[in-house]
């Protein structure tokens, strides 16, 4: 059975090994006719990926998670890739909070919802899709929404990116393109297998850091960090000062 997705703008078709994998990807896929497909996680690939998901013995879950990398690699030539982050809309723009697992990305989003309520709308809880376009970068929801399964429905133009770090104090600063390019590159949800893929990912990172603000947020996990970040975004939008 083949399923067609509706979140990349490409209408990719997936073939699943496990009958229950499609349940994780609702409502972003629909059953499709025919047997031809674009993406499938072969058994050998899934065997190798099980090492990365020791918390689960569920084969369908492992396949679902493995499709993040396969989808990102497939989309790279089209200027699209997922990034490990929370993405939400505020003031008509998409704001991305990225960082390693356990850094507190979901906590930051929840703090934003507490401090800004209806002004904030979820785009993606764990793996937003970045789409490079001639007039900028769009941020889209995907089926991969993290443990909390906080789903989004909207897309928005990218406003900026926050690289998150835990600390015993709260501070935010604008990073230079040179210092944030590598940390950002490492947050892309694609493990490049060829030199060409590395070059494409590096090109995406370069496009972002040269055209969009990237901040480093050190935080203790409280609401004050969300207020501080919003103030930095607001200064950026109103051009009150150069951050």
C-alpha atoms as a PDB file:
ATOM      1  CA  UNK A   1       0.000   0.000   0.000  1.00  0.00           C
ATOM      2  CA  UNK A   2       1.259   3.475  -0.909  1.00  0.00           C
ATOM      3  CA  UNK A   3       0.553   6.766   0.884  1.00  0.00           C
ATOM      4  CA  UNK A   4       0.938  10.283  -0.516  1.00  0.00           C
ATOM      5  CA  UNK A   5       2.056  13.147   1.705  1.00  0.00           C
ATOM      6  CA  UNK A   6       0.696  16.700   1.697  1.00  0.00           C
ATOM      7  CA  UNK A   7       3.332  18.588   3.681  1.00  0.00           C
ATOM      8  CA  UNK A   8       6.304  19.127   1.333  1.00  0.00           C
ATOM      9  CA  UNK A   9       4.528  20.490  -1.698  1.00  0.00           C
ATOM     10  CA  UNK A  10       5.982  17.611  -3.731  1.00  0.00           C
ATOM     11  CA  UNK A  11       3.326  14.948  -3.110  1.00  0.00           C
ATOM     12  CA  UNK A  12       5.907  12.291  -2.267  1.00  0.00           C
ATOM     13  CA  UNK A  13       4.669   8.719  -2.048  1.00  0.00           C
ATOM     14  CA  UNK A  14       5.730   6.425   0.789  1.00  0.00           C
ATOM     15  CA  UNK A  15       5.734   2.656   0.959  1.00  0.00           C
ATOM     16  CA  UNK A  16       5.877   1.313   4.522  1.00  0.00           C
ATOM     17  CA  UNK A  17       7.276  -1.985   5.758  1.00  0.00           C
ATOM     18  CA  UNK A  18       5.137  -1.912   8.908  1.00  0.00           C
ATOM     19  CA  UNK A  19       1.353  -1.752   8.566  1.00  0.00           C
ATOM     20  CA  UNK A  20       1.014   0.700  11.482  1.00  0.00           C
ATOM     21  CA  UNK A  21       3.620   3.269  10.424  1.00  0.00           C
ATOM     22  CA  UNK A  22       1.066   5.377   8.568  1.00  0.00           C
ATOM     23  CA  UNK A  23      -0.799   5.985  11.845  1.00  0.00           C
ATOM     24  CA  UNK A  24       2.092   8.112  13.118  1.00  0.00           C
ATOM     25  CA  UNK A  25       1.895  10.301  10.022  1.00  0.00           C
ATOM     26  CA  UNK A  26      -1.782  11.237  10.194  1.00  0.00           C
ATOM     27  CA  UNK A  27      -3.226  13.622   9.041  1.00  0.00           C
ATOM     28  CA  UNK A  28      -0.332  14.507   6.743  1.00  0.00           C
ATOM     29  CA  UNK A  29      -0.708  11.532   4.394  1.00  0.00           C
ATOM     30  CA  UNK A  30      -3.533   9.895   2.499  1.00  0.00           C
ATOM     31  CA  UNK A  31      -3.838   6.475   0.905  1.00  0.00           C
ATOM     32  CA  UNK A  32      -2.903   6.517  -2.767  1.00  0.00           C
ATOM     33  CA  UNK A  33      -3.471   4.273  -5.752  1.00  0.00           C
ATOM     34  CA  UNK A  34      -0.769   2.265  -7.467  1.00  0.00           C
ATOM     35  CA  UNK A  35       2.404   0.632  -6.206  1.00  0.00           C
ATOM     36  CA  UNK A  36       5.103   3.086  -7.281  1.00  0.00           C
ATOM     37  CA  UNK A  37       6.753   5.072  -4.483  1.00  0.00           C
ATOM     38  CA  UNK A  38       9.449   7.685  -3.908  1.00  0.00           C
ATOM     39  CA  UNK A  39      10.618   6.784  -0.405  1.00  0.00           C
ATOM     40  CA  UNK A  40      10.881   3.505   1.446  1.00  0.00           C
ATOM     41  CA  UNK A  41      13.015   2.468   4.413  1.00  0.00           C
ATOM     42  CA  UNK A  42      14.505  -0.855   3.376  1.00  0.00           C
ATOM     43  CA  UNK A  43      14.920  -3.583   5.989  1.00  0.00           C
ATOM     44  CA  UNK A  44      18.709  -3.261   6.076  1.00  0.00           C
ATOM     45  CA  UNK A  45      18.439   0.471   6.659  1.00  0.00           C
ATOM     46  CA  UNK A  46      15.940  -0.033   9.482  1.00  0.00           C
ATOM     47  CA  UNK A  47      18.217  -2.594  11.125  1.00  0.00           C
ATOM     48  CA  UNK A  48      21.000  -0.010  11.225  1.00  0.00           C
ATOM     49  CA  UNK A  49      18.708   2.729  12.521  1.00  0.00           C
ATOM     50  CA  UNK A  50      17.403   0.708  15.484  1.00  0.00           C
ATOM     51  CA  UNK A  51      20.588   1.635  17.331  1.00  0.00           C
ATOM     52  CA  UNK A  52      19.441   5.273  17.433  1.00  0.00           C
ATOM     53  CA  UNK A  53      16.080   4.497  19.060  1.00  0.00           C
ATOM     54  CA  UNK A  54      16.838   2.253  22.036  1.00  0.00           C
ATOM     55  CA  UNK A  55      13.773   3.598  23.856  1.00  0.00           C
ATOM     56  CA  UNK A  56      11.423   1.785  21.502  1.00  0.00           C
ATOM     57  CA  UNK A  57      11.048  -1.772  20.315  1.00  0.00           C
ATOM     58  CA  UNK A  58       8.122  -0.776  18.118  1.00  0.00           C
ATOM     59  CA  UNK A  59       9.158  -1.452  14.521  1.00  0.00           C
ATOM     60  CA  UNK A  60       6.575   0.976  13.129  1.00  0.00           C
ATOM     61  CA  UNK A  61       7.852   3.789  15.352  1.00  0.00           C
ATOM     62  CA  UNK A  62      11.446   3.121  14.300  1.00  0.00           C
ATOM     63  CA  UNK A  63      10.382   3.216  10.652  1.00  0.00           C
ATOM     64  CA  UNK A  64       8.462   6.449  11.216  1.00  0.00           C
ATOM     65  CA  UNK A  65      11.511   8.094  12.817  1.00  0.00           C
ATOM     66  CA  UNK A  66      13.873   6.730  10.172  1.00  0.00           C
ATOM     67  CA  UNK A  67      11.830   8.398   7.450  1.00  0.00           C
ATOM     68  CA  UNK A  68      12.969  11.816   8.729  1.00  0.00           C
ATOM     69  CA  UNK A  69      16.460  11.313   7.340  1.00  0.00           C
ATOM     70  CA  UNK A  70      15.290   9.618   4.140  1.00  0.00           C
ATOM     71  CA  UNK A  71      12.762  12.375   3.431  1.00  0.00           C
ATOM     72  CA  UNK A  72      15.282  15.136   4.102  1.00  0.00           C
ATOM     73  CA  UNK A  73      17.897  13.555   1.836  1.00  0.00           C
ATOM     74  CA  UNK A  74      15.335  13.045  -0.914  1.00  0.00           C
ATOM     75  CA  UNK A  75      14.246  16.678  -0.746  1.00  0.00           C
ATOM     76  CA  UNK A  76      17.711  18.254  -0.583  1.00  0.00           C
ATOM     77  CA  UNK A  77      18.036  18.755  -4.364  1.00  0.00           C
ATOM     78  CA  UNK A  78      14.767  20.726  -4.292  1.00  0.00           C
ATOM     79  CA  UNK A  79      16.030  23.155  -1.641  1.00  0.00           C
ATOM     80  CA  UNK A  80      14.090  21.578   1.202  1.00  0.00           C
ATOM     81  CA  UNK A  81      15.209  19.930   4.433  1.00  0.00           C
ATOM     82  CA  UNK A  82      13.876  19.329   7.931  1.00  0.00           C
ATOM     83  CA  UNK A  83      15.606  20.779  10.972  1.00  0.00           C
ATOM     84  CA  UNK A  84      15.550  19.519  14.562  1.00  0.00           C
ATOM     85  CA  UNK A  85      13.610  22.333  16.197  1.00  0.00           C
ATOM     86  CA  UNK A  86      10.326  23.728  17.419  1.00  0.00           C
ATOM     87  CA  UNK A  87       8.790  26.227  15.010  1.00  0.00           C
ATOM     88  CA  UNK A  88       5.909  28.580  15.768  1.00  0.00           C
ATOM     89  CA  UNK A  89       4.277  31.620  14.205  1.00  0.00           C
ATOM     90  CA  UNK A  90       4.364  35.029  15.898  1.00  0.00           C
ATOM     91  CA  UNK A  91       3.685  38.396  14.268  1.00  0.00           C
ATOM     92  CA  UNK A  92       3.154  36.673  10.913  1.00  0.00           C
ATOM     93  CA  UNK A  93       6.602  35.075  10.832  1.00  0.00           C
ATOM     94  CA  UNK A  94       8.015  31.665  11.723  1.00  0.00           C
ATOM     95  CA  UNK A  95      10.480  31.532  14.604  1.00  0.00           C
ATOM     96  CA  UNK A  96      12.622  28.452  15.080  1.00  0.00           C
ATOM     97  CA  UNK A  97      14.078  27.294  18.397  1.00  0.00           C
ATOM     98  CA  UNK A  98      16.682  24.632  17.728  1.00  0.00           C
ATOM     99  CA  UNK A  99      19.054  22.601  19.838  1.00  0.00           C
ATOM    100  CA  UNK A 100      19.985  19.063  20.851  1.00  0.00           C
ATOM    101  CA  UNK A 101      17.514  16.687  22.466  1.00  0.00           C
ATOM    102  CA  UNK A 102      16.804  17.671  26.052  1.00  0.00           C
ATOM    103  CA  UNK A 103      17.797  21.319  25.594  1.00  0.00           C
ATOM    104  CA  UNK A 104      14.257  22.483  26.361  1.00  0.00           C
ATOM    105  CA  UNK A 105      12.786  23.380  22.959  1.00  0.00           C
ATOM    106  CA  UNK A 106       9.257  22.283  23.852  1.00  0.00           C
ATOM    107  CA  UNK A 107       9.538  24.022  27.222  1.00  0.00           C
ATOM    108  CA  UNK A 108      10.373  27.252  25.414  1.00  0.00           C
ATOM    109  CA  UNK A 109       7.292  26.909  23.206  1.00  0.00           C
ATOM    110  CA  UNK A 110       5.098  26.275  26.253  1.00  0.00           C
ATOM    111  CA  UNK A 111       6.589  29.377  27.891  1.00  0.00           C
ATOM    112  CA  UNK A 112       5.697  31.385  24.781  1.00  0.00           C
ATOM    113  CA  UNK A 113       2.128  30.093  24.945  1.00  0.00           C
ATOM    114  CA  UNK A 114       1.898  31.159  28.582  1.00  0.00           C
ATOM    115  CA  UNK A 115       3.297  34.625  27.938  1.00  0.00           C
ATOM    116  CA  UNK A 116       1.769  35.349  24.500  1.00  0.00           C
ATOM    117  CA  UNK A 117      -1.238  32.991  24.357  1.00  0.00           C
ATOM    118  CA  UNK A 118      -3.230  33.306  21.113  1.00  0.00           C
ATOM    119  CA  UNK A 119      -0.528  35.407  19.445  1.00  0.00           C
ATOM    120  CA  UNK A 120       1.536  32.222  19.079  1.00  0.00           C
ATOM    121  CA  UNK A 121       0.568  29.317  16.821  1.00  0.00           C
ATOM    122  CA  UNK A 122       2.428  26.041  16.440  1.00  0.00           C
ATOM    123  CA  UNK A 123       3.970  25.121  13.102  1.00  0.00           C
ATOM    124  CA  UNK A 124       5.940  22.017  14.041  1.00  0.00           C
ATOM    125  CA  UNK A 125       6.809  20.472  17.386  1.00  0.00           C
ATOM    126  CA  UNK A 126      10.063  18.786  16.406  1.00  0.00           C
ATOM    127  CA  UNK A 127      10.948  18.683  12.687  1.00  0.00           C
ATOM    128  CA  UNK A 128       9.776  21.708  10.690  1.00  0.00           C
ATOM    129  CA  UNK A 129      10.508  21.677   6.975  1.00  0.00           C
ATOM    130  CA  UNK A 130      12.528  24.555   5.543  1.00  0.00           C
ATOM    131  CA  UNK A 131      11.836  25.443   1.931  1.00  0.00           C
ATOM    132  CA  UNK A 132      14.284  27.689   0.093  1.00  0.00           C
ATOM    133  CA  UNK A 133      12.478  30.000  -2.333  1.00  0.00           C
ATOM    134  CA  UNK A 134      13.600  32.910  -4.494  1.00  0.00           C
ATOM    135  CA  UNK A 135      11.979  35.422  -2.149  1.00  0.00           C
ATOM    136  CA  UNK A 136      12.969  33.799   1.143  1.00  0.00           C
ATOM    137  CA  UNK A 137      12.520  30.702   3.279  1.00  0.00           C
ATOM    138  CA  UNK A 138       9.165  29.156   4.197  1.00  0.00           C
ATOM    139  CA  UNK A 139       8.674  26.979   7.274  1.00  0.00           C
ATOM    140  CA  UNK A 140       6.156  24.121   7.055  1.00  0.00           C
ATOM    141  CA  UNK A 141       4.658  21.558   9.458  1.00  0.00           C
ATOM    142  CA  UNK A 142       5.511  17.859   9.144  1.00  0.00           C
ATOM    143  CA  UNK A 143       4.244  14.610  10.727  1.00  0.00           C
ATOM    144  CA  UNK A 144       7.269  14.492  13.062  1.00  0.00           C
ATOM    145  CA  UNK A 145       6.154  16.475  16.114  1.00  0.00           C
ATOM    146  CA  UNK A 146       8.158  15.060  19.018  1.00  0.00           C
ATOM    147  CA  UNK A 147       7.093  13.191  22.121  1.00  0.00           C
ATOM    148  CA  UNK A 148       4.338  15.677  22.962  1.00  0.00           C
ATOM    149  CA  UNK A 149       2.842  15.312  19.443  1.00  0.00           C
ATOM    150  CA  UNK A 150       2.053  19.044  19.278  1.00  0.00           C
ATOM    151  CA  UNK A 151       0.852  19.346  15.701  1.00  0.00           C
ATOM    152  CA  UNK A 152       0.774  22.399  13.480  1.00  0.00           C
ATOM    153  CA  UNK A 153      -1.270  23.243  10.391  1.00  0.00           C
ATOM    154  CA  UNK A 154       0.124  26.537   9.117  1.00  0.00           C
ATOM    155  CA  UNK A 155       3.224  27.617   7.204  1.00  0.00           C
ATOM    156  CA  UNK A 156       4.964  30.978   7.514  1.00  0.00           C
ATOM    157  CA  UNK A 157       8.013  32.885   6.233  1.00  0.00           C
ATOM    158  CA  UNK A 158      11.093  32.492   8.391  1.00  0.00           C
ATOM    159  CA  UNK A 159      11.763  35.339  10.811  1.00  0.00           C
ATOM    160  CA  UNK A 160      14.772  34.049  12.710  1.00  0.00           C
ATOM    161  CA  UNK A 161      16.402  31.144  14.522  1.00  0.00           C
ATOM    162  CA  UNK A 162      17.360  30.589  18.152  1.00  0.00           C
ATOM    163  CA  UNK A 163      20.061  28.100  19.109  1.00  0.00           C
ATOM    164  CA  UNK A 164      19.178  26.950  22.599  1.00  0.00           C
ATOM    165  CA  UNK A 165      21.515  26.123  25.477  1.00  0.00           C
ATOM    166  CA  UNK A 166      20.725  25.297  29.085  1.00  0.00           C
ATOM    167  CA  UNK A 167      22.462  27.486  31.655  1.00  0.00           C
ATOM    168  CA  UNK A 168      22.131  28.758  35.207  1.00  0.00           C
ATOM    169  CA  UNK A 169      21.251  32.234  33.944  1.00  0.00           C
ATOM    170  CA  UNK A 170      19.186  33.776  31.130  1.00  0.00           C
ATOM    171  CA  UNK A 171      20.770  35.702  28.273  1.00  0.00           C
ATOM    172  CA  UNK A 172      20.293  36.172  24.538  1.00  0.00           C
ATOM    173  CA  UNK A 173      22.658  37.526  21.918  1.00  0.00           C
ATOM    174  CA  UNK A 174      22.887  37.811  18.150  1.00  0.00           C
ATOM    175  CA  UNK A 175      25.440  35.403  16.680  1.00  0.00           C
ATOM    176  CA  UNK A 176      27.720  36.165  13.762  1.00  0.00           C
ATOM    177  CA  UNK A 177      27.386  34.059  10.584  1.00  0.00           C
ATOM    178  CA  UNK A 178      30.827  32.568  11.196  1.00  0.00           C
ATOM    179  CA  UNK A 179      30.071  31.263  14.684  1.00  0.00           C
ATOM    180  CA  UNK A 180      26.572  29.923  14.060  1.00  0.00           C
ATOM    181  CA  UNK A 181      27.039  28.216  10.661  1.00  0.00           C
ATOM    182  CA  UNK A 182      28.408  24.925  12.014  1.00  0.00           C
ATOM    183  CA  UNK A 183      25.998  24.589  14.988  1.00  0.00           C
ATOM    184  CA  UNK A 184      23.116  25.259  12.601  1.00  0.00           C
ATOM    185  CA  UNK A 185      24.433  22.756  10.050  1.00  0.00           C
ATOM    186  CA  UNK A 186      24.459  20.061  12.748  1.00  0.00           C
ATOM    187  CA  UNK A 187      20.763  20.614  13.466  1.00  0.00           C
ATOM    188  CA  UNK A 188      19.621  19.690   9.963  1.00  0.00           C
ATOM    189  CA  UNK A 189      17.679  16.417   9.996  1.00  0.00           C
ATOM    190  CA  UNK A 190      19.726  14.847   7.219  1.00  0.00           C
ATOM    191  CA  UNK A 191      22.800  12.675   7.568  1.00  0.00           C
ATOM    192  CA  UNK A 192      24.649  13.330   4.308  1.00  0.00           C
ATOM    193  CA  UNK A 193      26.063  10.292   2.575  1.00  0.00           C
ATOM    194  CA  UNK A 194      27.785  11.969  -0.361  1.00  0.00           C
ATOM    195  CA  UNK A 195      29.946  15.030  -0.976  1.00  0.00           C
ATOM    196  CA  UNK A 196      27.144  16.494  -3.057  1.00  0.00           C
ATOM    197  CA  UNK A 197      24.703  16.244  -0.138  1.00  0.00           C
ATOM    198  CA  UNK A 198      27.211  17.885   2.207  1.00  0.00           C
ATOM    199  CA  UNK A 199      27.592  20.767  -0.249  1.00  0.00           C
ATOM    200  CA  UNK A 200      23.815  21.180  -0.524  1.00  0.00           C
ATOM    201  CA  UNK A 201      23.371  21.236   3.267  1.00  0.00           C
ATOM    202  CA  UNK A 202      26.238  23.671   3.679  1.00  0.00           C
ATOM    203  CA  UNK A 203      24.638  25.885   1.051  1.00  0.00           C
ATOM    204  CA  UNK A 204      21.349  25.918   2.977  1.00  0.00           C
ATOM    205  CA  UNK A 205      23.146  26.817   6.209  1.00  0.00           C
ATOM    206  CA  UNK A 206      25.044  29.587   4.440  1.00  0.00           C
ATOM    207  CA  UNK A 207      21.828  30.980   2.957  1.00  0.00           C
ATOM    208  CA  UNK A 208      20.246  31.136   6.405  1.00  0.00           C
ATOM    209  CA  UNK A 209      23.112  32.675   8.376  1.00  0.00           C
ATOM    210  CA  UNK A 210      23.744  35.370   5.773  1.00  0.00           C
ATOM    211  CA  UNK A 211      20.132  36.434   5.407  1.00  0.00           C
ATOM    212  CA  UNK A 212      18.418  35.714   8.741  1.00  0.00           C
ATOM    213  CA  UNK A 213      19.190  36.532  12.370  1.00  0.00           C
ATOM    214  CA  UNK A 214      20.471  33.664  14.484  1.00  0.00           C
ATOM    215  CA  UNK A 215      20.494  34.072  18.263  1.00  0.00           C
ATOM    216  CA  UNK A 216      22.086  32.124  21.082  1.00  0.00           C
ATOM    217  CA  UNK A 217      19.700  31.760  24.020  1.00  0.00           C
ATOM    218  CA  UNK A 218      21.128  30.569  27.317  1.00  0.00           C
ATOM    219  CA  UNK A 219      18.311  29.824  29.707  1.00  0.00           C
ATOM    220  CA  UNK A 220      17.126  28.200  32.907  1.00  0.00           C
ATOM    221  CA  UNK A 221      13.855  27.035  31.363  1.00  0.00           C
ATOM    222  CA  UNK A 222      11.555  29.633  32.897  1.00  0.00           C
ATOM    223  CA  UNK A 223       9.121  32.107  31.360  1.00  0.00           C
ATOM    224  CA  UNK A 224      11.631  34.945  31.624  1.00  0.00           C
ATOM    225  CA  UNK A 225      13.604  33.430  28.743  1.00  0.00           C
ATOM    226  CA  UNK A 226      10.539  33.587  26.480  1.00  0.00           C
ATOM    227  CA  UNK A 227       9.934  37.225  27.418  1.00  0.00           C
ATOM    228  CA  UNK A 228      13.581  38.031  26.758  1.00  0.00           C
ATOM    229  CA  UNK A 229      13.488  36.304  23.373  1.00  0.00           C
ATOM    230  CA  UNK A 230      10.278  38.082  22.357  1.00  0.00           C
ATOM    231  CA  UNK A 231      11.856  41.417  23.220  1.00  0.00           C
ATOM    232  CA  UNK A 232      14.836  40.594  21.009  1.00  0.00           C
ATOM    233  CA  UNK A 233      12.516  39.603  18.145  1.00  0.00           C
ATOM    234  CA  UNK A 234      10.463  42.768  18.613  1.00  0.00           C
ATOM    235  CA  UNK A 235      13.550  45.001  18.472  1.00  0.00           C
ATOM    236  CA  UNK A 236      14.538  43.191  15.327  1.00  0.00           C
ATOM    237  CA  UNK A 237      11.145  43.698  13.688  1.00  0.00           C
ATOM    238  CA  UNK A 238      10.872  47.379  14.609  1.00  0.00           C
ATOM    239  CA  UNK A 239      14.552  48.046  13.864  1.00  0.00           C
ATOM    240  CA  UNK A 240      14.847  49.884  17.172  1.00  0.00           C
ATOM    241  CA  UNK A 241      18.455  48.809  17.466  1.00  0.00           C
ATOM    242  CA  UNK A 242      20.992  46.526  15.864  1.00  0.00           C
ATOM    243  CA  UNK A 243      21.173  43.370  17.937  1.00  0.00           C
END
